[in-house]
């Protein structure tokens, strides 16, 4: 696979991840837990192409920030997997854990803007607009649902 295809994979994946997060916030607002669960599964599955991108990064001599951005996203996906799917921890009512979780969430999704930008300006702008929409929805949804 050449670098342009990897860049497009990363950009598409970044936009997909942010769009899934937006969708999760919308279904939470509409109290659709089964839909939220399956959107979460799709989100978790996004780790597979991210891992592929990490393994191909050396081939394209990616800078350290690339590894950091993807690594943080994979770290967040693993955190989400263990907290919500494996151990089913009700952590969203514990302030310090929630703050740490939200910081990791925004660091990981914000890093995806950098990944999207490698495919060009249009992908970067799309990711930025979706990120801003996601941020507004995240806080609005939290204020309405407490989740």
N, C-alpha and C. Protein backbone atom coordinates (compact mmCIF):
# COMPACT_ATOMS: atom_id res chain seq x y z
N UNK A 1 0.86 -1.18 0.00
CA UNK A 1 0.00 0.00 0.00
C UNK A 1 0.90 1.24 0.00
N UNK A 2 0.56 2.23 -0.80
CA UNK A 2 1.38 3.43 -0.85
C UNK A 2 0.92 4.45 0.20
N UNK A 3 1.72 5.49 0.36
CA UNK A 3 1.47 6.47 1.42
C UNK A 3 0.15 7.22 1.22
N UNK A 4 -0.23 7.48 -0.03
CA UNK A 4 -1.49 8.19 -0.27
C UNK A 4 -2.69 7.36 0.20
N UNK A 5 -2.63 6.06 -0.03
CA UNK A 5 -3.74 5.19 0.41
C UNK A 5 -3.79 5.11 1.93
N UNK A 6 -2.63 5.04 2.56
CA UNK A 6 -2.59 5.02 4.03
C UNK A 6 -3.12 6.35 4.58
N UNK A 7 -2.74 7.45 3.95
CA UNK A 7 -3.24 8.76 4.39
C UNK A 7 -4.76 8.84 4.26
N UNK A 8 -5.29 8.32 3.15
CA UNK A 8 -6.74 8.31 2.97
C UNK A 8 -7.42 7.38 3.96
N UNK A 9 -6.80 6.24 4.24
CA UNK A 9 -7.34 5.33 5.26
C UNK A 9 -7.40 6.05 6.60
N UNK A 10 -6.32 6.73 6.96
CA UNK A 10 -6.28 7.46 8.23
C UNK A 10 -7.32 8.57 8.29
N UNK A 11 -7.45 9.31 7.20
CA UNK A 11 -8.42 10.41 7.16
C UNK A 11 -9.85 9.89 7.27
N UNK A 12 -10.14 8.86 6.48
CA UNK A 12 -11.48 8.27 6.54
C UNK A 12 -11.78 7.70 7.91
N UNK A 13 -10.78 7.06 8.50
CA UNK A 13 -10.95 6.49 9.84
C UNK A 13 -11.14 7.58 10.89
N UNK A 14 -10.39 8.66 10.78
CA UNK A 14 -10.53 9.77 11.72
C UNK A 14 -11.94 10.36 11.66
N UNK A 15 -12.42 10.61 10.45
CA UNK A 15 -13.76 11.15 10.28
C UNK A 15 -14.80 10.14 10.78
N UNK A 16 -14.58 8.87 10.50
CA UNK A 16 -15.49 7.81 10.98
C UNK A 16 -15.55 7.80 12.50
N UNK A 17 -14.39 7.84 13.15
CA UNK A 17 -14.34 7.79 14.62
C UNK A 17 -15.09 8.98 15.22
N UNK A 18 -14.82 10.17 14.71
CA UNK A 18 -15.49 11.36 15.25
C UNK A 18 -16.99 11.30 14.98
N UNK A 19 -17.38 10.83 13.79
CA UNK A 19 -18.80 10.70 13.45
C UNK A 19 -19.49 9.67 14.34
N UNK A 20 -18.80 8.58 14.66
CA UNK A 20 -19.37 7.57 15.57
C UNK A 20 -19.58 8.19 16.95
N UNK A 21 -18.63 8.97 17.41
CA UNK A 21 -18.78 9.63 18.71
C UNK A 21 -19.98 10.58 18.70
N UNK A 22 -20.13 11.33 17.63
CA UNK A 22 -21.30 12.21 17.50
C UNK A 22 -22.58 11.38 17.57
N UNK A 23 -22.59 10.29 16.85
CA UNK A 23 -23.77 9.40 16.82
C UNK A 23 -24.08 8.85 18.21
N UNK A 24 -23.05 8.47 18.93
CA UNK A 24 -23.25 7.95 20.29
C UNK A 24 -23.90 9.01 21.17
N UNK A 25 -23.42 10.24 21.09
CA UNK A 25 -24.01 11.31 21.90
C UNK A 25 -25.46 11.56 21.53
N UNK A 26 -25.78 11.50 20.25
CA UNK A 26 -27.16 11.71 19.79
C UNK A 26 -28.07 10.60 20.29
N UNK A 27 -27.63 9.35 20.21
CA UNK A 27 -28.50 8.25 20.67
C UNK A 27 -28.62 8.25 22.19
N UNK A 28 -27.60 8.72 22.90
CA UNK A 28 -27.73 8.86 24.35
C UNK A 28 -28.81 9.89 24.68
N UNK A 29 -28.81 10.99 23.95
CA UNK A 29 -29.83 12.02 24.16
C UNK A 29 -31.23 11.49 23.89
N UNK A 30 -31.33 10.52 22.99
CA UNK A 30 -32.63 9.93 22.64
C UNK A 30 -32.91 8.64 23.40
N UNK A 31 -32.07 8.33 24.39
CA UNK A 31 -32.25 7.17 25.25
C UNK A 31 -32.43 5.87 24.46
N UNK A 32 -31.43 5.56 23.64
CA UNK A 32 -31.44 4.34 22.83
C UNK A 32 -30.20 3.50 23.19
N UNK A 33 -30.22 2.83 24.35
CA UNK A 33 -29.02 2.14 24.82
C UNK A 33 -28.55 1.00 23.91
N UNK A 34 -29.46 0.29 23.26
CA UNK A 34 -29.02 -0.80 22.37
C UNK A 34 -28.28 -0.25 21.15
N UNK A 35 -28.78 0.85 20.60
CA UNK A 35 -28.10 1.48 19.47
C UNK A 35 -26.74 2.01 19.93
N UNK A 36 -26.71 2.61 21.11
CA UNK A 36 -25.45 3.12 21.67
C UNK A 36 -24.44 1.99 21.81
N UNK A 37 -24.89 0.84 22.30
CA UNK A 37 -24.01 -0.31 22.48
C UNK A 37 -23.36 -0.70 21.14
N UNK A 38 -24.17 -0.82 20.08
CA UNK A 38 -23.65 -1.28 18.79
C UNK A 38 -22.80 -0.21 18.11
N UNK A 39 -23.12 1.05 18.32
CA UNK A 39 -22.22 2.10 17.83
C UNK A 39 -20.88 2.02 18.56
N UNK A 40 -20.95 1.71 19.85
CA UNK A 40 -19.73 1.52 20.62
C UNK A 40 -18.89 0.37 20.11
N UNK A 41 -19.55 -0.70 19.70
CA UNK A 41 -18.82 -1.84 19.12
C UNK A 41 -18.11 -1.41 17.84
N UNK A 42 -18.80 -0.65 17.00
CA UNK A 42 -18.16 -0.13 15.78
C UNK A 42 -16.95 0.74 16.13
N UNK A 43 -17.11 1.56 17.16
CA UNK A 43 -16.00 2.39 17.62
C UNK A 43 -14.82 1.51 18.05
N UNK A 44 -15.11 0.47 18.82
CA UNK A 44 -14.04 -0.42 19.27
C UNK A 44 -13.33 -1.10 18.11
N UNK A 45 -14.09 -1.46 17.08
CA UNK A 45 -13.50 -2.13 15.92
C UNK A 45 -12.58 -1.21 15.12
N UNK A 46 -12.70 0.09 15.32
CA UNK A 46 -11.80 1.01 14.62
C UNK A 46 -10.35 0.84 15.08
N UNK A 47 -10.13 0.12 16.15
CA UNK A 47 -8.77 -0.15 16.61
C UNK A 47 -8.00 -1.02 15.60
N UNK A 48 -8.70 -1.84 14.85
CA UNK A 48 -8.03 -2.75 13.91
C UNK A 48 -7.27 -1.98 12.84
N UNK A 49 -7.92 -1.06 12.10
CA UNK A 49 -7.13 -0.31 11.12
C UNK A 49 -6.09 0.62 11.77
N UNK A 50 -6.36 1.09 12.99
CA UNK A 50 -5.37 1.92 13.68
C UNK A 50 -4.10 1.12 13.96
N UNK A 51 -4.28 -0.12 14.38
CA UNK A 51 -3.13 -1.00 14.63
C UNK A 51 -2.37 -1.24 13.33
N UNK A 52 -3.09 -1.46 12.24
CA UNK A 52 -2.46 -1.63 10.93
C UNK A 52 -1.64 -0.38 10.58
N UNK A 53 -2.19 0.79 10.85
CA UNK A 53 -1.49 2.03 10.54
C UNK A 53 -0.22 2.18 11.37
N UNK A 54 -0.25 1.72 12.60
CA UNK A 54 0.96 1.75 13.45
C UNK A 54 2.03 0.83 12.85
N UNK A 55 1.62 -0.36 12.41
CA UNK A 55 2.58 -1.32 11.88
C UNK A 55 3.17 -0.87 10.54
N UNK A 56 2.45 -0.08 9.77
CA UNK A 56 2.98 0.40 8.50
C UNK A 56 3.69 1.74 8.62
N UNK A 57 3.63 2.37 9.77
CA UNK A 57 4.18 3.71 9.95
C UNK A 57 5.68 3.76 9.70
N UNK A 58 6.40 2.78 10.14
CA UNK A 58 7.85 2.77 9.96
C UNK A 58 8.22 2.71 8.48
N UNK A 59 7.44 1.98 7.72
CA UNK A 59 7.67 1.84 6.27
C UNK A 59 7.62 3.21 5.58
N UNK A 60 6.79 4.12 6.09
CA UNK A 60 6.64 5.44 5.49
C UNK A 60 7.38 6.53 6.28
N UNK A 61 8.21 6.11 7.21
CA UNK A 61 9.03 7.02 8.02
C UNK A 61 8.21 8.14 8.65
N UNK A 62 7.16 7.72 9.35
CA UNK A 62 6.28 8.69 10.02
C UNK A 62 6.99 9.31 11.20
N UNK A 63 6.69 10.57 11.51
CA UNK A 63 7.30 11.23 12.68
C UNK A 63 6.70 10.68 13.97
N UNK A 64 7.35 10.99 15.07
CA UNK A 64 6.94 10.49 16.38
C UNK A 64 5.50 10.89 16.72
N UNK A 65 5.09 12.09 16.31
CA UNK A 65 3.73 12.55 16.66
C UNK A 65 2.68 11.63 16.07
N UNK A 66 2.93 11.04 14.94
CA UNK A 66 2.00 10.10 14.30
C UNK A 66 1.75 8.90 15.22
N UNK A 67 2.83 8.35 15.75
CA UNK A 67 2.73 7.22 16.68
C UNK A 67 1.98 7.64 17.95
N UNK A 68 2.26 8.84 18.42
CA UNK A 68 1.60 9.34 19.64
C UNK A 68 0.11 9.50 19.41
N UNK A 69 -0.27 10.13 18.29
CA UNK A 69 -1.69 10.36 18.00
C UNK A 69 -2.46 9.04 17.89
N UNK A 70 -1.91 8.11 17.15
CA UNK A 70 -2.59 6.82 16.99
C UNK A 70 -2.52 6.03 18.30
N UNK A 71 -1.40 6.10 19.00
CA UNK A 71 -1.26 5.38 20.27
C UNK A 71 -2.26 5.86 21.32
N UNK A 72 -2.48 7.17 21.39
CA UNK A 72 -3.46 7.70 22.34
C UNK A 72 -4.87 7.24 21.97
N UNK A 73 -5.17 7.21 20.66
CA UNK A 73 -6.50 6.75 20.24
C UNK A 73 -6.68 5.27 20.59
N UNK A 74 -5.68 4.46 20.34
CA UNK A 74 -5.77 3.04 20.69
C UNK A 74 -5.89 2.90 22.21
N UNK A 75 -5.15 3.71 22.95
CA UNK A 75 -5.26 3.70 24.41
C UNK A 75 -6.65 4.04 24.89
N UNK A 76 -7.28 5.04 24.26
CA UNK A 76 -8.64 5.39 24.64
C UNK A 76 -9.60 4.25 24.30
N UNK A 77 -9.44 3.66 23.13
CA UNK A 77 -10.32 2.55 22.75
C UNK A 77 -10.19 1.40 23.74
N UNK A 78 -8.97 1.09 24.16
CA UNK A 78 -8.77 0.03 25.16
C UNK A 78 -9.40 0.42 26.50
N UNK A 79 -9.25 1.67 26.89
CA UNK A 79 -9.87 2.15 28.14
C UNK A 79 -11.39 1.98 28.06
N UNK A 80 -11.96 2.41 26.95
CA UNK A 80 -13.40 2.28 26.73
C UNK A 80 -13.83 0.81 26.78
N UNK A 81 -13.06 -0.03 26.12
CA UNK A 81 -13.38 -1.46 26.07
C UNK A 81 -13.41 -2.06 27.48
N UNK A 82 -12.38 -1.78 28.26
CA UNK A 82 -12.31 -2.39 29.59
C UNK A 82 -13.32 -1.77 30.56
N UNK A 83 -13.48 -0.46 30.54
CA UNK A 83 -14.40 0.17 31.48
C UNK A 83 -15.87 -0.12 31.16
N UNK A 84 -16.25 -0.01 29.89
CA UNK A 84 -17.67 -0.13 29.52
C UNK A 84 -18.10 -1.52 29.09
N UNK A 85 -17.21 -2.31 28.53
CA UNK A 85 -17.62 -3.58 27.95
C UNK A 85 -17.17 -4.79 28.77
N UNK A 86 -15.97 -4.75 29.31
CA UNK A 86 -15.47 -5.91 30.07
C UNK A 86 -15.91 -5.83 31.53
N UNK A 87 -15.49 -4.77 32.23
CA UNK A 87 -15.76 -4.66 33.66
C UNK A 87 -17.05 -3.92 33.98
N UNK A 88 -17.62 -3.21 33.02
CA UNK A 88 -18.86 -2.46 33.18
C UNK A 88 -18.84 -1.58 34.42
N UNK A 89 -17.80 -0.78 34.51
CA UNK A 89 -17.59 0.11 35.64
C UNK A 89 -18.46 1.36 35.46
N UNK A 90 -19.19 1.74 36.50
CA UNK A 90 -19.99 2.97 36.46
C UNK A 90 -19.11 4.11 36.97
N UNK A 91 -18.18 4.53 36.12
CA UNK A 91 -17.18 5.52 36.50
C UNK A 91 -17.60 6.95 36.22
N UNK A 92 -18.65 7.17 35.48
CA UNK A 92 -19.01 8.51 35.04
C UNK A 92 -19.57 9.39 36.17
N UNK A 93 -19.75 8.81 37.35
CA UNK A 93 -20.22 9.59 38.51
C UNK A 93 -19.10 9.85 39.50
N UNK A 94 -17.88 9.44 39.15
CA UNK A 94 -16.71 9.70 39.99
C UNK A 94 -15.91 10.80 39.30
N UNK A 95 -15.90 11.97 39.91
CA UNK A 95 -15.38 13.17 39.25
C UNK A 95 -13.96 13.01 38.70
N UNK A 96 -13.00 12.53 39.49
CA UNK A 96 -11.61 12.49 39.02
C UNK A 96 -11.44 11.50 37.87
N UNK A 97 -12.18 10.39 37.91
CA UNK A 97 -12.08 9.42 36.81
C UNK A 97 -12.72 10.01 35.56
N UNK A 98 -13.85 10.68 35.73
CA UNK A 98 -14.52 11.30 34.58
C UNK A 98 -13.65 12.37 33.94
N UNK A 99 -12.99 13.18 34.74
CA UNK A 99 -12.12 14.22 34.19
C UNK A 99 -10.97 13.60 33.42
N UNK A 100 -10.36 12.58 33.97
CA UNK A 100 -9.26 11.88 33.29
C UNK A 100 -9.75 11.24 31.99
N UNK A 101 -10.90 10.62 32.05
CA UNK A 101 -11.51 9.98 30.89
C UNK A 101 -11.80 11.00 29.78
N UNK A 102 -12.38 12.14 30.16
CA UNK A 102 -12.71 13.18 29.18
C UNK A 102 -11.43 13.76 28.57
N UNK A 103 -10.40 13.94 29.38
CA UNK A 103 -9.13 14.43 28.84
C UNK A 103 -8.56 13.45 27.82
N UNK A 104 -8.60 12.17 28.12
CA UNK A 104 -8.12 11.16 27.19
C UNK A 104 -8.98 11.12 25.94
N UNK A 105 -10.29 11.27 26.10
CA UNK A 105 -11.21 11.28 24.97
C UNK A 105 -10.88 12.42 24.00
N UNK A 106 -10.74 13.63 24.54
CA UNK A 106 -10.47 14.77 23.67
C UNK A 106 -9.05 14.74 23.10
N UNK A 107 -8.10 14.22 23.85
CA UNK A 107 -6.74 14.07 23.31
C UNK A 107 -6.74 13.08 22.15
N UNK A 108 -7.46 12.00 22.31
CA UNK A 108 -7.47 10.97 21.27
C UNK A 108 -8.22 11.43 20.03
N UNK A 109 -9.39 12.01 20.20
CA UNK A 109 -10.14 12.47 19.03
C UNK A 109 -9.49 13.70 18.40
N UNK A 110 -8.88 14.54 19.20
CA UNK A 110 -8.14 15.68 18.66
C UNK A 110 -6.94 15.23 17.84
N UNK A 111 -6.29 14.18 18.29
CA UNK A 111 -5.17 13.61 17.53
C UNK A 111 -5.60 13.09 16.17
N UNK A 112 -6.84 12.68 16.09
CA UNK A 112 -7.34 12.19 14.81
C UNK A 112 -7.43 13.31 13.76
N UNK A 113 -7.54 14.55 14.21
CA UNK A 113 -7.50 15.68 13.28
C UNK A 113 -6.13 15.71 12.58
N UNK A 114 -5.09 15.48 13.36
CA UNK A 114 -3.74 15.44 12.78
C UNK A 114 -3.59 14.31 11.77
N UNK A 115 -4.16 13.17 12.06
CA UNK A 115 -4.11 12.03 11.14
C UNK A 115 -4.88 12.37 9.87
N UNK A 116 -6.05 12.98 10.00
CA UNK A 116 -6.85 13.36 8.84
C UNK A 116 -6.13 14.38 7.97
N UNK A 117 -5.39 15.27 8.60
CA UNK A 117 -4.72 16.34 7.85
C UNK A 117 -3.66 15.82 6.90
N UNK A 118 -3.17 14.62 7.12
CA UNK A 118 -2.17 14.04 6.22
C UNK A 118 -2.73 13.76 4.83
N UNK A 119 -4.04 13.66 4.72
CA UNK A 119 -4.68 13.38 3.43
C UNK A 119 -5.07 14.66 2.70
N UNK A 120 -4.85 15.81 3.30
CA UNK A 120 -5.13 17.05 2.61
C UNK A 120 -6.02 17.99 3.40
N UNK A 121 -6.12 19.20 2.88
CA UNK A 121 -6.84 20.27 3.56
C UNK A 121 -8.33 19.96 3.74
N UNK A 122 -8.96 19.37 2.73
CA UNK A 122 -10.41 19.09 2.82
C UNK A 122 -10.69 18.11 3.96
N UNK A 123 -9.85 17.09 4.08
CA UNK A 123 -10.03 16.12 5.17
C UNK A 123 -9.80 16.79 6.52
N UNK A 124 -8.82 17.66 6.58
CA UNK A 124 -8.52 18.37 7.81
C UNK A 124 -9.69 19.25 8.24
N UNK A 125 -10.23 20.00 7.31
CA UNK A 125 -11.37 20.88 7.62
C UNK A 125 -12.58 20.06 8.04
N UNK A 126 -12.83 18.96 7.35
CA UNK A 126 -13.95 18.08 7.71
C UNK A 126 -13.79 17.56 9.13
N UNK A 127 -12.58 17.08 9.45
CA UNK A 127 -12.33 16.55 10.79
C UNK A 127 -12.47 17.63 11.86
N UNK A 128 -12.00 18.83 11.57
CA UNK A 128 -12.10 19.93 12.54
C UNK A 128 -13.56 20.31 12.80
N UNK A 129 -14.33 20.43 11.74
CA UNK A 129 -15.75 20.79 11.90
C UNK A 129 -16.48 19.71 12.70
N UNK A 130 -16.25 18.45 12.35
CA UNK A 130 -16.90 17.36 13.09
C UNK A 130 -16.43 17.32 14.54
N UNK A 131 -15.14 17.58 14.78
CA UNK A 131 -14.61 17.60 16.14
C UNK A 131 -15.32 18.67 16.97
N UNK A 132 -15.48 19.86 16.40
CA UNK A 132 -16.15 20.95 17.13
C UNK A 132 -17.61 20.60 17.43
N UNK A 133 -18.29 20.02 16.45
CA UNK A 133 -19.67 19.56 16.67
C UNK A 133 -19.71 18.51 17.76
N UNK A 134 -18.77 17.57 17.71
CA UNK A 134 -18.70 16.51 18.71
C UNK A 134 -18.47 17.09 20.11
N UNK A 135 -17.60 18.08 20.21
CA UNK A 135 -17.30 18.69 21.50
C UNK A 135 -18.54 19.34 22.10
N UNK A 136 -19.27 20.07 21.29
CA UNK A 136 -20.51 20.71 21.76
C UNK A 136 -21.51 19.65 22.21
N UNK A 137 -21.67 18.62 21.38
CA UNK A 137 -22.62 17.54 21.73
C UNK A 137 -22.19 16.79 22.98
N UNK A 138 -20.90 16.59 23.15
CA UNK A 138 -20.39 15.86 24.32
C UNK A 138 -20.82 16.56 25.61
N UNK A 139 -20.61 17.85 25.67
CA UNK A 139 -20.95 18.58 26.89
C UNK A 139 -22.45 18.77 27.05
N UNK A 140 -23.14 18.99 25.95
CA UNK A 140 -24.60 19.10 26.02
C UNK A 140 -25.21 17.78 26.49
N UNK A 141 -24.77 16.69 25.89
CA UNK A 141 -25.28 15.36 26.25
C UNK A 141 -24.98 15.05 27.72
N UNK A 142 -23.79 15.41 28.17
CA UNK A 142 -23.42 15.17 29.57
C UNK A 142 -24.33 15.97 30.51
N UNK A 143 -24.63 17.21 30.15
CA UNK A 143 -25.49 18.02 31.01
C UNK A 143 -26.92 17.50 31.05
N UNK A 144 -27.38 16.88 29.97
CA UNK A 144 -28.74 16.37 29.91
C UNK A 144 -28.90 14.97 30.50
N UNK A 145 -27.88 14.11 30.28
CA UNK A 145 -28.02 12.70 30.69
C UNK A 145 -27.15 12.32 31.89
N UNK A 146 -26.12 13.10 32.15
CA UNK A 146 -25.19 12.75 33.23
C UNK A 146 -24.23 11.63 32.86
N UNK A 147 -24.23 11.26 31.60
CA UNK A 147 -23.33 10.18 31.15
C UNK A 147 -22.20 10.73 30.31
